[in-house]
Structure formats: C-alpha cells, structure tokens
PDB file of N, CA and C in Angstrom:
ATOM      1  N   MET A   1      -2.730  -1.375  17.061  1.00  0.00           N
ATOM      2  CA  MET A   1      -1.869  -2.513  17.263  1.00  0.00           C
ATOM      3  C   MET A   1      -0.485  -2.250  16.657  1.00  0.00           C
ATOM      4  N   LEU A   2      -0.416  -1.793  15.425  1.00  0.00           N
ATOM      5  CA  LEU A   2       0.871  -1.498  14.816  1.00  0.00           C
ATOM      6  C   LEU A   2       1.568  -0.355  15.545  1.00  0.00           C
ATOM      7  N   ASN A   3       0.794   0.644  15.937  1.00  0.00           N
ATOM      8  CA  ASN A   3       1.369   1.766  16.663  1.00  0.00           C
ATOM      9  C   ASN A   3       1.894   1.317  18.022  1.00  0.00           C
ATOM     10  N   ASP A   4       1.195   0.397  18.680  1.00  0.00           N
ATOM     11  CA  ASP A   4       1.654  -0.130  19.969  1.00  0.00           C
ATOM     12  C   ASP A   4       2.979  -0.873  19.810  1.00  0.00           C
ATOM     13  N   ALA A   5       3.100  -1.656  18.758  1.00  0.00           N
ATOM     14  CA  ALA A   5       4.350  -2.378  18.505  1.00  0.00           C
ATOM     15  C   ALA A   5       5.479  -1.393  18.229  1.00  0.00           C
ATOM     16  N   ALA A   6       5.196  -0.354  17.462  1.00  0.00           N
ATOM     17  CA  ALA A   6       6.208   0.662  17.172  1.00  0.00           C
ATOM     18  C   ALA A   6       6.635   1.373  18.452  1.00  0.00           C
ATOM     19  N   ARG A   7       5.675   1.684  19.291  1.00  0.00           N
ATOM     20  CA  ARG A   7       5.977   2.351  20.559  1.00  0.00           C
ATOM     21  C   ARG A   7       6.853   1.458  21.450  1.00  0.00           C
ATOM     22  N   GLU A   8       6.558   0.165  21.481  1.00  0.00           N
ATOM     23  CA  GLU A   8       7.380  -0.763  22.270  1.00  0.00           C
ATOM     24  C   GLU A   8       8.813  -0.795  21.764  1.00  0.00           C
ATOM     25  N   LEU A   9       8.991  -0.806  20.456  1.00  0.00           N
ATOM     26  CA  LEU A   9      10.341  -0.775  19.885  1.00  0.00           C
ATOM     27  C   LEU A   9      11.060   0.515  20.269  1.00  0.00           C
ATOM     28  N   ASP A  10      10.350   1.633  20.210  1.00  0.00           N
ATOM     29  CA  ASP A  10      10.956   2.921  20.552  1.00  0.00           C
ATOM     30  C   ASP A  10      11.366   3.004  22.021  1.00  0.00           C
ATOM     31  N   ARG A  11      10.686   2.262  22.874  1.00  0.00           N
ATOM     32  CA  ARG A  11      10.954   2.305  24.315  1.00  0.00           C
ATOM     33  C   ARG A  11      12.010   1.296  24.774  1.00  0.00           C
ATOM     34  N   MET A  12      12.525   0.505  23.866  1.00  0.00           N
ATOM     35  CA  MET A  12      13.537  -0.482  24.245  1.00  0.00           C
ATOM     36  C   MET A  12      14.816   0.230  24.683  1.00  0.00           C
ATOM     37  N   PRO A  13      15.571  -0.398  25.585  1.00  0.00           N
ATOM     38  CA  PRO A  13      16.819   0.222  26.047  1.00  0.00           C
ATOM     39  C   PRO A  13      17.781   0.478  24.889  1.00  0.00           C
ATOM     40  N   VAL A  14      18.546   1.548  24.996  1.00  0.00           N
ATOM     41  CA  VAL A  14      19.490   1.901  23.940  1.00  0.00           C
ATOM     42  C   VAL A  14      20.941   1.943  24.440  1.00  0.00           C
ATOM     43  N   LEU A  15      21.114   1.963  25.741  1.00  0.00           N
ATOM     44  CA  LEU A  15      22.458   2.029  26.299  1.00  0.00           C
ATOM     45  C   LEU A  15      23.229   0.750  25.986  1.00  0.00           C
ATOM     46  N   ASN A  16      24.419   0.899  25.448  1.00  0.00           N
ATOM     47  CA  ASN A  16      25.296  -0.219  25.093  1.00  0.00           C
ATOM     48  C   ASN A  16      24.708  -1.139  24.020  1.00  0.00           C
ATOM     49  N   VAL A  17      23.891  -0.583  23.146  1.00  0.00           N
ATOM     50  CA  VAL A  17      23.318  -1.347  22.039  1.00  0.00           C
ATOM     51  C   VAL A  17      24.001  -0.883  20.758  1.00  0.00           C
ATOM     52  N   ASP A  18      24.331  -1.812  19.898  1.00  0.00           N
ATOM     53  CA  ASP A  18      24.997  -1.522  18.635  1.00  0.00           C
ATOM     54  C   ASP A  18      24.200  -0.475  17.846  1.00  0.00           C
ATOM     55  N   GLU A  19      24.919   0.492  17.273  1.00  0.00           N
ATOM     56  CA  GLU A  19      24.266   1.580  16.540  1.00  0.00           C
ATOM     57  C   GLU A  19      23.494   1.082  15.321  1.00  0.00           C
ATOM     58  N   GLU A  20      24.021   0.085  14.636  1.00  0.00           N
ATOM     59  CA  GLU A  20      23.305  -0.469  13.473  1.00  0.00           C
ATOM     60  C   GLU A  20      22.001  -1.134  13.915  1.00  0.00           C
ATOM     61  N   LEU A  21      22.034  -1.774  15.057  1.00  0.00           N
ATOM     62  CA  LEU A  21      20.830  -2.422  15.580  1.00  0.00           C
ATOM     63  C   LEU A  21      19.799  -1.375  16.008  1.00  0.00           C
ATOM     64  N   LEU A  22      20.278  -0.277  16.597  1.00  0.00           N
ATOM     65  CA  LEU A  22      19.375   0.823  16.958  1.00  0.00           C
ATOM     66  C   LEU A  22      18.725   1.419  15.707  1.00  0.00           C
ATOM     67  N   ALA A  23      19.517   1.600  14.662  1.00  0.00           N
ATOM     68  CA  ALA A  23      18.982   2.141  13.405  1.00  0.00           C
ATOM     69  C   ALA A  23      17.949   1.197  12.806  1.00  0.00           C
ATOM     70  N   TYR A  24      18.229  -0.106  12.894  1.00  0.00           N
ATOM     71  CA  TYR A  24      17.285  -1.110  12.400  1.00  0.00           C
ATOM     72  C   TYR A  24      15.965  -1.004  13.174  1.00  0.00           C
ATOM     73  N   GLY A  25      16.049  -0.931  14.498  1.00  0.00           N
ATOM     74  CA  GLY A  25      14.840  -0.823  15.325  1.00  0.00           C
ATOM     75  C   GLY A  25      14.037   0.420  15.009  1.00  0.00           C
ATOM     76  N   SER A  26      14.731   1.538  14.806  1.00  0.00           N
ATOM     77  CA  SER A  26      14.040   2.778  14.436  1.00  0.00           C
ATOM     78  C   SER A  26      13.356   2.637  13.082  1.00  0.00           C
ATOM     79  N   GLY A  27      14.033   1.980  12.155  1.00  0.00           N
ATOM     80  CA  GLY A  27      13.446   1.760  10.838  1.00  0.00           C
ATOM     81  C   GLY A  27      12.214   0.883  10.890  1.00  0.00           C
ATOM     82  N   VAL A  28      12.262  -0.147  11.732  1.00  0.00           N
ATOM     83  CA  VAL A  28      11.105  -1.040  11.868  1.00  0.00           C
ATOM     84  C   VAL A  28       9.929  -0.289  12.487  1.00  0.00           C
ATOM     85  N   SER A  29      10.185   0.488  13.548  1.00  0.00           N
ATOM     86  CA  SER A  29       9.078   1.212  14.185  1.00  0.00           C
ATOM     87  C   SER A  29       8.470   2.227  13.217  1.00  0.00           C
ATOM     88  N   SER A  30       9.312   2.884  12.431  1.00  0.00           N
ATOM     89  CA  SER A  30       8.817   3.831  11.433  1.00  0.00           C
ATOM     90  C   SER A  30       7.978   3.111  10.374  1.00  0.00           C
ATOM     91  N   THR A  31       8.433   1.950   9.949  1.00  0.00           N
ATOM     92  CA  THR A  31       7.710   1.167   8.947  1.00  0.00           C
ATOM     93  C   THR A  31       6.354   0.712   9.485  1.00  0.00           C
ATOM     94  N   LEU A  32       6.307   0.307  10.749  1.00  0.00           N
ATOM     95  CA  LEU A  32       5.039  -0.107  11.351  1.00  0.00           C
ATOM     96  C   LEU A  32       4.050   1.057  11.390  1.00  0.00           C
ATOM     97  N   ARG A  33       4.546   2.236  11.710  1.00  0.00           N
ATOM     98  CA  ARG A  33       3.664   3.412  11.710  1.00  0.00           C
ATOM     99  C   ARG A  33       3.190   3.734  10.293  1.00  0.00           C
ATOM    100  N   ASN A  34       4.072   3.562   9.321  1.00  0.00           N
ATOM    101  CA  ASN A  34       3.668   3.789   7.931  1.00  0.00           C
ATOM    102  C   ASN A  34       2.595   2.793   7.505  1.00  0.00           C
ATOM    103  N   MET A  35       2.703   1.541   7.964  1.00  0.00           N
ATOM    104  CA  MET A  35       1.674   0.542   7.647  1.00  0.00           C
ATOM    105  C   MET A  35       0.344   0.941   8.279  1.00  0.00           C
ATOM    106  N   ARG A  36       0.399   1.439   9.511  1.00  0.00           N
ATOM    107  CA  ARG A  36      -0.831   1.901  10.177  1.00  0.00           C
ATOM    108  C   ARG A  36      -1.461   3.018   9.360  1.00  0.00           C
ATOM    109  N   ASN A  37      -0.631   3.972   8.930  1.00  0.00           N
ATOM    110  CA  ASN A  37      -1.144   5.095   8.142  1.00  0.00           C
ATOM    111  C   ASN A  37      -1.699   4.640   6.804  1.00  0.00           C
ATOM    112  N   LEU A  38      -1.049   3.666   6.198  1.00  0.00           N
ATOM    113  CA  LEU A  38      -1.523   3.115   4.937  1.00  0.00           C
ATOM    114  C   LEU A  38      -2.930   2.551   5.107  1.00  0.00           C
ATOM    115  N   SER A  39      -3.145   1.813   6.179  1.00  0.00           N
ATOM    116  CA  SER A  39      -4.465   1.235   6.443  1.00  0.00           C
ATOM    117  C   SER A  39      -5.505   2.321   6.692  1.00  0.00           C
ATOM    118  N   LYS A  40      -5.136   3.316   7.503  1.00  0.00           N
ATOM    119  CA  LYS A  40      -6.083   4.404   7.789  1.00  0.00           C
ATOM    120  C   LYS A  40      -6.417   5.193   6.528  1.00  0.00           C
ATOM    121  N   ASN A  41      -5.398   5.481   5.724  1.00  0.00           N
ATOM    122  CA  ASN A  41      -5.637   6.231   4.493  1.00  0.00           C
ATOM    123  C   ASN A  41      -6.489   5.434   3.511  1.00  0.00           C
ATOM    124  N   ALA A  42      -6.301   4.124   3.468  1.00  0.00           N
ATOM    125  CA  ALA A  42      -7.130   3.290   2.590  1.00  0.00           C
ATOM    126  C   ALA A  42      -8.586   3.354   3.033  1.00  0.00           C
ATOM    127  N   GLY A  43      -8.805   3.328   4.341  1.00  0.00           N
ATOM    128  CA  GLY A  43     -10.167   3.440   4.862  1.00  0.00           C
ATOM    129  C   GLY A  43     -10.803   4.772   4.521  1.00  0.00           C
ATOM    130  N   LEU A  44     -10.037   5.848   4.642  1.00  0.00           N
ATOM    131  CA  LEU A  44     -10.551   7.177   4.289  1.00  0.00           C
ATOM    132  C   LEU A  44     -10.838   7.271   2.798  1.00  0.00           C
ATOM    133  N   ASP A  45      -9.954   6.704   1.985  1.00  0.00           N
ATOM    134  CA  ASP A  45     -10.164   6.704   0.543  1.00  0.00           C
ATOM    135  C   ASP A  45     -11.431   5.938   0.185  1.00  0.00           C
ATOM    136  N   TYR A  46     -11.648   4.813   0.857  1.00  0.00           N
ATOM    137  CA  TYR A  46     -12.848   4.014   0.616  1.00  0.00           C
ATOM    138  C   TYR A  46     -14.104   4.822   0.966  1.00  0.00           C
ATOM    139  N   GLN A  47     -14.074   5.513   2.100  1.00  0.00           N
ATOM    140  CA  GLN A  47     -15.224   6.331   2.497  1.00  0.00           C
ATOM    141  C   GLN A  47     -15.498   7.424   1.463  1.00  0.00           C
ATOM    142  N   TYR A  48     -14.443   8.034   0.975  1.00  0.00           N
ATOM    143  CA  TYR A  48     -14.593   9.072  -0.052  1.00  0.00           C
ATOM    144  C   TYR A  48     -15.226   8.492  -1.312  1.00  0.00           C
ATOM    145  N   ARG A  49     -14.721   7.335  -1.744  1.00  0.00           N
ATOM    146  CA  ARG A  49     -15.264   6.716  -2.951  1.00  0.00           C
ATOM    147  C   ARG A  49     -16.724   6.318  -2.780  1.00  0.00           C
ATOM    148  N   MET A  50     -17.067   5.826  -1.603  1.00  0.00           N
ATOM    149  CA  MET A  50     -18.450   5.439  -1.351  1.00  0.00           C
ATOM    150  C   MET A  50     -19.365   6.659  -1.384  1.00  0.00           C
ATOM    151  N   ALA A  51     -18.911   7.761  -0.805  1.00  0.00           N
ATOM    152  CA  ALA A  51     -19.711   8.987  -0.837  1.00  0.00           C
ATOM    153  C   ALA A  51     -19.903   9.458  -2.272  1.00  0.00           C
ATOM    154  N   GLU A  52     -18.860   9.333  -3.079  1.00  0.00           N
ATOM    155  CA  GLU A  52     -18.945   9.725  -4.476  1.00  0.00           C
ATOM    156  C   GLU A  52     -19.928   8.843  -5.243  1.00  0.00           C
ATOM    157  N   ILE A  53     -19.863   7.544  -4.991  1.00  0.00           N
ATOM    158  CA  ILE A  53     -20.790   6.608  -5.648  1.00  0.00           C
ATOM    159  C   ILE A  53     -22.222   6.915  -5.237  1.00  0.00           C
ATOM    160  N   GLN A  54     -22.417   7.159  -3.949  1.00  0.00           N
ATOM    161  CA  GLN A  54     -23.757   7.460  -3.448  1.00  0.00           C
ATOM    162  C   GLN A  54     -24.300   8.752  -4.078  1.00  0.00           C
ATOM    163  N   SER A  55     -23.439   9.767  -4.191  1.00  0.00           N
ATOM    164  CA  SER A  55     -23.913  11.034  -4.758  1.00  0.00           C
ATOM    165  C   SER A  55     -24.203  10.901  -6.254  1.00  0.00           C
ATOM    166  N   ASN A  56     -23.469  10.053  -6.940  1.00  0.00           N
ATOM    167  CA  ASN A  56     -23.703   9.842  -8.367  1.00  0.00           C
ATOM    168  C   ASN A  56     -24.935   8.976  -8.626  1.00  0.00           C
ATOM    169  N   ALA A  57     -25.433   8.299  -7.600  1.00  0.00           N
ATOM    170  CA  ALA A  57     -26.596   7.428  -7.766  1.00  0.00           C
ATOM    171  C   ALA A  57     -27.818   8.222  -8.218  1.00  0.00           C
ATOM    172  N   GLY A  58     -27.879   9.476  -7.849  1.00  0.00           N
ATOM    173  CA  GLY A  58     -29.006  10.323  -8.246  1.00  0.00           C
ATOM    174  C   GLY A  58     -28.929  10.802  -9.677  1.00  0.00           C
ATOM    175  N   TYR A  59     -27.832  10.493 -10.355  1.00  0.00           N
ATOM    176  CA  TYR A  59     -27.648  10.972 -11.726  1.00  0.00           C
ATOM    177  C   TYR A  59     -27.800   9.865 -12.760  1.00  0.00           C
ATOM    178  N   GLY A  60     -28.727   8.965 -12.485  1.00  0.00           N
ATOM    179  CA  GLY A  60     -29.053   7.975 -13.489  1.00  0.00           C
ATOM    180  C   GLY A  60     -28.516   6.587 -13.227  1.00  0.00           C
ATOM    181  N   TYR A  61     -27.734   6.415 -12.183  1.00  0.00           N
ATOM    182  CA  TYR A  61     -27.257   5.079 -11.875  1.00  0.00           C
ATOM    183  C   TYR A  61     -28.345   4.319 -11.150  1.00  0.00           C
ATOM    184  N   GLY A  62     -28.531   3.057 -11.509  1.00  0.00           N
ATOM    185  CA  GLY A  62     -29.536   2.240 -10.849  1.00  0.00           C
ATOM    186  C   GLY A  62     -29.010   1.676  -9.547  1.00  0.00           C
ATOM    187  N   GLY A  63     -29.920   1.138  -8.737  1.00  0.00           N
ATOM    188  CA  GLY A  63     -29.538   0.572  -7.448  1.00  0.00           C
ATOM    189  C   GLY A  63     -28.523  -0.544  -7.576  1.00  0.00           C
ATOM    190  N   GLY A  64     -28.694  -1.406  -8.582  1.00  0.00           N
ATOM    191  CA  GLY A  64     -27.752  -2.501  -8.778  1.00  0.00           C
ATOM    192  C   GLY A  64     -26.364  -1.999  -9.115  1.00  0.00           C
ATOM    193  N   THR A  65     -26.306  -0.932  -9.877  1.00  0.00           N
ATOM    194  CA  THR A  65     -25.014  -0.364 -10.247  1.00  0.00           C
ATOM    195  C   THR A  65     -24.291   0.177  -9.027  1.00  0.00           C
ATOM    196  N   VAL A  66     -25.024   0.843  -8.149  1.00  0.00           N
ATOM    197  CA  VAL A  66     -24.417   1.380  -6.933  1.00  0.00           C
ATOM    198  C   VAL A  66     -23.891   0.239  -6.071  1.00  0.00           C
ATOM    199  N   ALA A  67     -24.694  -0.799  -5.915  1.00  0.00           N
ATOM    200  CA  ALA A  67     -24.255  -1.945  -5.114  1.00  0.00           C
ATOM    201  C   ALA A  67     -23.044  -2.609  -5.758  1.00  0.00           C
ATOM    202  N   GLY A  68     -23.064  -2.756  -7.057  1.00  0.00           N
ATOM    203  CA  GLY A  68     -21.933  -3.356  -7.766  1.00  0.00           C
ATOM    204  C   GLY A  68     -20.694  -2.496  -7.668  1.00  0.00           C
ATOM    205  N   ALA A  69     -20.870  -1.190  -7.779  1.00  0.00           N
ATOM    206  CA  ALA A  69     -19.735  -0.270  -7.671  1.00  0.00           C
ATOM    207  C   ALA A  69     -19.157  -0.303  -6.264  1.00  0.00           C
ATOM    208  N   THR A  70     -20.030  -0.405  -5.278  1.00  0.00           N
ATOM    209  CA  THR A  70     -19.582  -0.469  -3.888  1.00  0.00           C
ATOM    210  C   THR A  70     -18.753  -1.719  -3.653  1.00  0.00           C
ATOM    211  N   THR A  71     -19.237  -2.849  -4.105  1.00  0.00           N
ATOM    212  CA  THR A  71     -18.516  -4.111  -3.945  1.00  0.00           C
ATOM    213  C   THR A  71     -17.192  -4.083  -4.689  1.00  0.00           C
ATOM    214  N   SER A  72     -17.216  -3.592  -5.909  1.00  0.00           N
ATOM    215  CA  SER A  72     -16.006  -3.514  -6.721  1.00  0.00           C
ATOM    216  C   SER A  72     -14.971  -2.595  -6.079  1.00  0.00           C
ATOM    217  N   THR A  73     -15.407  -1.452  -5.595  1.00  0.00           N
ATOM    218  CA  THR A  73     -14.496  -0.500  -4.958  1.00  0.00           C
ATOM    219  C   THR A  73     -13.875  -1.107  -3.706  1.00  0.00           C
ATOM    220  N   HIS A  74     -14.682  -1.799  -2.924  1.00  0.00           N
ATOM    221  CA  HIS A  74     -14.162  -2.425  -1.705  1.00  0.00           C
ATOM    222  C   HIS A  74     -13.127  -3.491  -2.048  1.00  0.00           C
ATOM    223  N   ARG A  75     -13.400  -4.288  -3.050  1.00  0.00           N
ATOM    224  CA  ARG A  75     -12.451  -5.333  -3.461  1.00  0.00           C
ATOM    225  C   ARG A  75     -11.147  -4.732  -3.973  1.00  0.00           C
ATOM    226  N   GLN A  76     -11.258  -3.661  -4.759  1.00  0.00           N
ATOM    227  CA  GLN A  76     -10.059  -2.998  -5.274  1.00  0.00           C
ATOM    228  C   GLN A  76      -9.219  -2.446  -4.127  1.00  0.00           C
ATOM    229  N   MET A  77      -9.865  -1.760  -3.190  1.00  0.00           N
ATOM    230  CA  MET A  77      -9.156  -1.177  -2.065  1.00  0.00           C
ATOM    231  C   MET A  77      -8.471  -2.259  -1.235  1.00  0.00           C
ATOM    232  N   THR A  78      -9.163  -3.342  -0.981  1.00  0.00           N
ATOM    233  CA  THR A  78      -8.602  -4.437  -0.198  1.00  0.00           C
ATOM    234  C   THR A  78      -7.410  -5.065  -0.906  1.00  0.00           C
ATOM    235  N   ALA A  79      -7.516  -5.269  -2.202  1.00  0.00           N
ATOM    236  CA  ALA A  79      -6.421  -5.879  -2.965  1.00  0.00           C
ATOM    237  C   ALA A  79      -5.183  -4.985  -2.965  1.00  0.00           C
ATOM    238  N   VAL A  80      -5.355  -3.698  -3.165  1.00  0.00           N
ATOM    239  CA  VAL A  80      -4.219  -2.773  -3.167  1.00  0.00           C
ATOM    240  C   VAL A  80      -3.580  -2.723  -1.786  1.00  0.00           C
ATOM    241  N   LEU A  81      -4.395  -2.651  -0.760  1.00  0.00           N
ATOM    242  CA  LEU A  81      -3.881  -2.597   0.612  1.00  0.00           C
ATOM    243  C   LEU A  81      -3.112  -3.866   0.951  1.00  0.00           C
ATOM    244  N   GLN A  82      -3.647  -5.021   0.604  1.00  0.00           N
ATOM    245  CA  GLN A  82      -2.958  -6.283   0.876  1.00  0.00           C
ATOM    246  C   GLN A  82      -1.653  -6.382   0.101  1.00  0.00           C
ATOM    247  N   SER A  83      -1.647  -5.917  -1.127  1.00  0.00           N
ATOM    248  CA  SER A  83      -0.433  -5.932  -1.930  1.00  0.00           C
ATOM    249  C   SER A  83       0.642  -5.042  -1.309  1.00  0.00           C
ATOM    250  N   ASN A  84       0.254  -3.847  -0.880  1.00  0.00           N
ATOM    251  CA  ASN A  84       1.202  -2.936  -0.242  1.00  0.00           C
ATOM    252  C   ASN A  84       1.733  -3.496   1.065  1.00  0.00           C
ATOM    253  N   GLU A  85       0.848  -4.069   1.867  1.00  0.00           N
ATOM    254  CA  GLU A  85       1.273  -4.644   3.145  1.00  0.00           C
ATOM    255  C   GLU A  85       2.217  -5.820   2.930  1.00  0.00           C
ATOM    256  N   LEU A  86       1.952  -6.639   1.926  1.00  0.00           N
ATOM    257  CA  LEU A  86       2.827  -7.770   1.619  1.00  0.00           C
ATOM    258  C   LEU A  86       4.218  -7.276   1.211  1.00  0.00           C
ATOM    259  N   ALA A  87       4.274  -6.238   0.402  1.00  0.00           N
ATOM    260  CA  ALA A  87       5.567  -5.677  -0.018  1.00  0.00           C
ATOM    261  C   ALA A  87       6.334  -5.139   1.189  1.00  0.00           C
ATOM    262  N   ILE A  88       5.652  -4.478   2.097  1.00  0.00           N
ATOM    263  CA  ILE A  88       6.296  -3.926   3.291  1.00  0.00           C
ATOM    264  C   ILE A  88       6.778  -5.042   4.199  1.00  0.00           C
ATOM    265  N   LEU A  89       5.958  -6.056   4.409  1.00  0.00           N
ATOM    266  CA  LEU A  89       6.365  -7.177   5.267  1.00  0.00           C
ATOM    267  C   LEU A  89       7.553  -7.929   4.672  1.00  0.00           C
ATOM    268  N   THR A  90       7.577  -8.078   3.358  1.00  0.00           N
ATOM    269  CA  THR A  90       8.707  -8.724   2.689  1.00  0.00           C
ATOM    270  C   THR A  90       9.976  -7.914   2.912  1.00  0.00           C
ATOM    271  N   MET A  91       9.884  -6.605   2.784  1.00  0.00           N
ATOM    272  CA  MET A  91      11.029  -5.739   3.012  1.00  0.00           C
ATOM    273  C   MET A  91      11.517  -5.860   4.451  1.00  0.00           C
ATOM    274  N   LEU A  92      10.590  -5.902   5.421  1.00  0.00           N
ATOM    275  CA  LEU A  92      10.979  -6.058   6.824  1.00  0.00           C
ATOM    276  C   LEU A  92      11.682  -7.399   7.064  1.00  0.00           C
ATOM    277  N   GLU A  93      11.187  -8.452   6.444  1.00  0.00           N
ATOM    278  CA  GLU A  93      11.830  -9.764   6.582  1.00  0.00           C
ATOM    279  C   GLU A  93      13.254  -9.727   6.035  1.00  0.00           C
ATOM    280  N   GLU A  94      13.433  -9.070   4.904  1.00  0.00           N
ATOM    281  CA  GLU A  94      14.765  -8.972   4.297  1.00  0.00           C
ATOM    282  C   GLU A  94      15.709  -8.161   5.180  1.00  0.00           C
ATOM    283  N   LYS A  95      15.229  -7.037   5.715  1.00  0.00           N
ATOM    284  CA  LYS A  95      16.051  -6.204   6.591  1.00  0.00           C
ATOM    285  C   LYS A  95      16.389  -6.942   7.891  1.00  0.00           C
ATOM    286  N   THR A  96      15.452  -7.735   8.392  1.00  0.00           N
ATOM    287  CA  THR A  96      15.698  -8.508   9.609  1.00  0.00           C
ATOM    288  C   THR A  96      16.779  -9.553   9.370  1.00  0.00           C
ATOM    289  N   ALA A  97      16.697 -10.250   8.267  1.00  0.00           N
ATOM    290  CA  ALA A  97      17.720 -11.249   7.933  1.00  0.00           C
ATOM    291  C   ALA A  97      19.083 -10.585   7.764  1.00  0.00           C
ATOM    292  N   GLU A  98      19.096  -9.425   7.140  1.00  0.00           N
ATOM    293  CA  GLU A  98      20.343  -8.700   6.916  1.00  0.00           C
ATOM    294  C   GLU A  98      20.994  -8.268   8.234  1.00  0.00           C
ATOM    295  N   ILE A  99      20.207  -7.687   9.145  1.00  0.00           N
ATOM    296  CA  ILE A  99      20.787  -7.221  10.413  1.00  0.00           C
ATOM    297  C   ILE A  99      21.200  -8.405  11.279  1.00  0.00           C
ATOM    298  N   ARG A 100      20.457  -9.492  11.204  1.00  0.00           N
ATOM    299  CA  ARG A 100      20.820 -10.689  11.965  1.00  0.00           C
ATOM    300  C   ARG A 100      22.184 -11.207  11.515  1.00  0.00           C
ATOM    301  N   LYS A 101      22.397 -11.257  10.220  1.00  0.00           N
ATOM    302  CA  LYS A 101      23.692 -11.707   9.690  1.00  0.00           C
ATOM    303  C   LYS A 101      24.816 -10.764  10.102  1.00  0.00           C
ATOM    304  N   LYS A 102      24.575  -9.456   9.986  1.00  0.00           N
ATOM    305  CA  LYS A 102      25.591  -8.481  10.364  1.00  0.00           C
ATOM    306  C   LYS A 102      25.985  -8.622  11.834  1.00  0.00           C
ATOM    307  N   MET A 103      24.986  -8.725  12.692  1.00  0.00           N
ATOM    308  CA  MET A 103      25.258  -8.807  14.123  1.00  0.00           C
ATOM    309  C   MET A 103      25.937 -10.131  14.484  1.00  0.00           C
ATOM    310  N   THR A 104      25.550 -11.206  13.830  1.00  0.00           N
ATOM    311  CA  THR A 104      26.173 -12.513  14.078  1.00  0.00           C
ATOM    312  C   THR A 104      27.646 -12.479  13.684  1.00  0.00           C
ATOM    313  N   LEU A 105      27.944 -11.938  12.519  1.00  0.00           N
ATOM    314  CA  LEU A 105      29.340 -11.867  12.074  1.00  0.00           C
ATOM    315  C   LEU A 105      30.156 -10.894  12.934  1.00  0.00           C
ATOM    316  N   LYS A 106      29.546  -9.794  13.312  1.00  0.00           N
ATOM    317  CA  LYS A 106      30.260  -8.780  14.097  1.00  0.00           C
ATOM    318  C   LYS A 106      30.595  -9.256  15.506  1.00  0.00           C
ATOM    319  N   TYR A 107      29.629  -9.924  16.163  1.00  0.00           N
ATOM    320  CA  TYR A 107      29.806 -10.305  17.569  1.00  0.00           C
ATOM    321  C   TYR A 107      30.061 -11.796  17.772  1.00  0.00           C
ATOM    322  N   GLN A 108      30.038 -12.567  16.695  1.00  0.00           N
ATOM    323  CA  GLN A 108      30.282 -13.993  16.756  1.00  0.00           C
ATOM    324  C   GLN A 108      29.350 -14.706  17.737  1.00  0.00           C
ATOM    325  N   VAL A 109      28.097 -14.251  17.739  1.00  0.00           N
ATOM    326  CA  VAL A 109      27.035 -14.844  18.562  1.00  0.00           C
ATOM    327  C   VAL A 109      25.800 -14.947  17.654  1.00  0.00           C
ATOM    328  N   GLU A 110      25.105 -16.066  17.726  1.00  0.00           N
ATOM    329  CA  GLU A 110      23.886 -16.222  16.915  1.00  0.00           C
ATOM    330  C   GLU A 110      22.780 -15.320  17.431  1.00  0.00           C
ATOM    331  N   PHE A 111      22.174 -14.577  16.510  1.00  0.00           N
ATOM    332  CA  PHE A 111      21.053 -13.715  16.842  1.00  0.00           C
ATOM    333  C   PHE A 111      19.781 -14.305  16.304  1.00  0.00           C
TER     334      PHE A 111
END
C-alpha cells in the first residue's frame, strides 16, 4: 500500500510543475518507501527474536516464560514501530504545510 502510493507520486506529471513541488513529491515518495521498509524490517526483527526465544526455551526456560517473552517482544516491537511511524507522519505533515505555504505565497493561489 505505501509502495503503491509512492509509485503514484512518482508517476505524476512533471512538465511545467514547480521544482520545489517536484522535490517535495520525491521526498514524500521516498519517505513512504522508507516507512514500508521500516515495517518490513520490524517484522523480520520480530521473527528473528521469536526464533531466538524458541531456541533458548530448551536451555531452562519454562513454557510460561517463552509465552511471556513472546508477548513482551511483540508489544515492544509494535510500540517502537508505532512511535517511528508517528514521527515520520508528523514530519510529513510539517513538510506538507511548509510547501503549501511556499506555493501559496509564490503563486498567490491557495493550495
């Protein structure tokens, strides 16, 4: 989904479009791809941690500990991912407001 949105931004017309606006669009599409990668990497990290917990279960950890570690790891991963995504979305909102103001002042048309 994020990659599709980035691809749509990349495919938008560029002829006779303000260079600052083009740079903004490129930055947004790049950021969306980075968010996609962040999510994928978090999933891979979670799988790695789960495999590690499972392998350590044979070294004296009880079943409850493994289940507790699994739940705790999932919650930690989700919290970090949500925090990162919130920071990225906030940055995108700020950049959008900034480019909107620039374009409005430059062309004297509300964007």
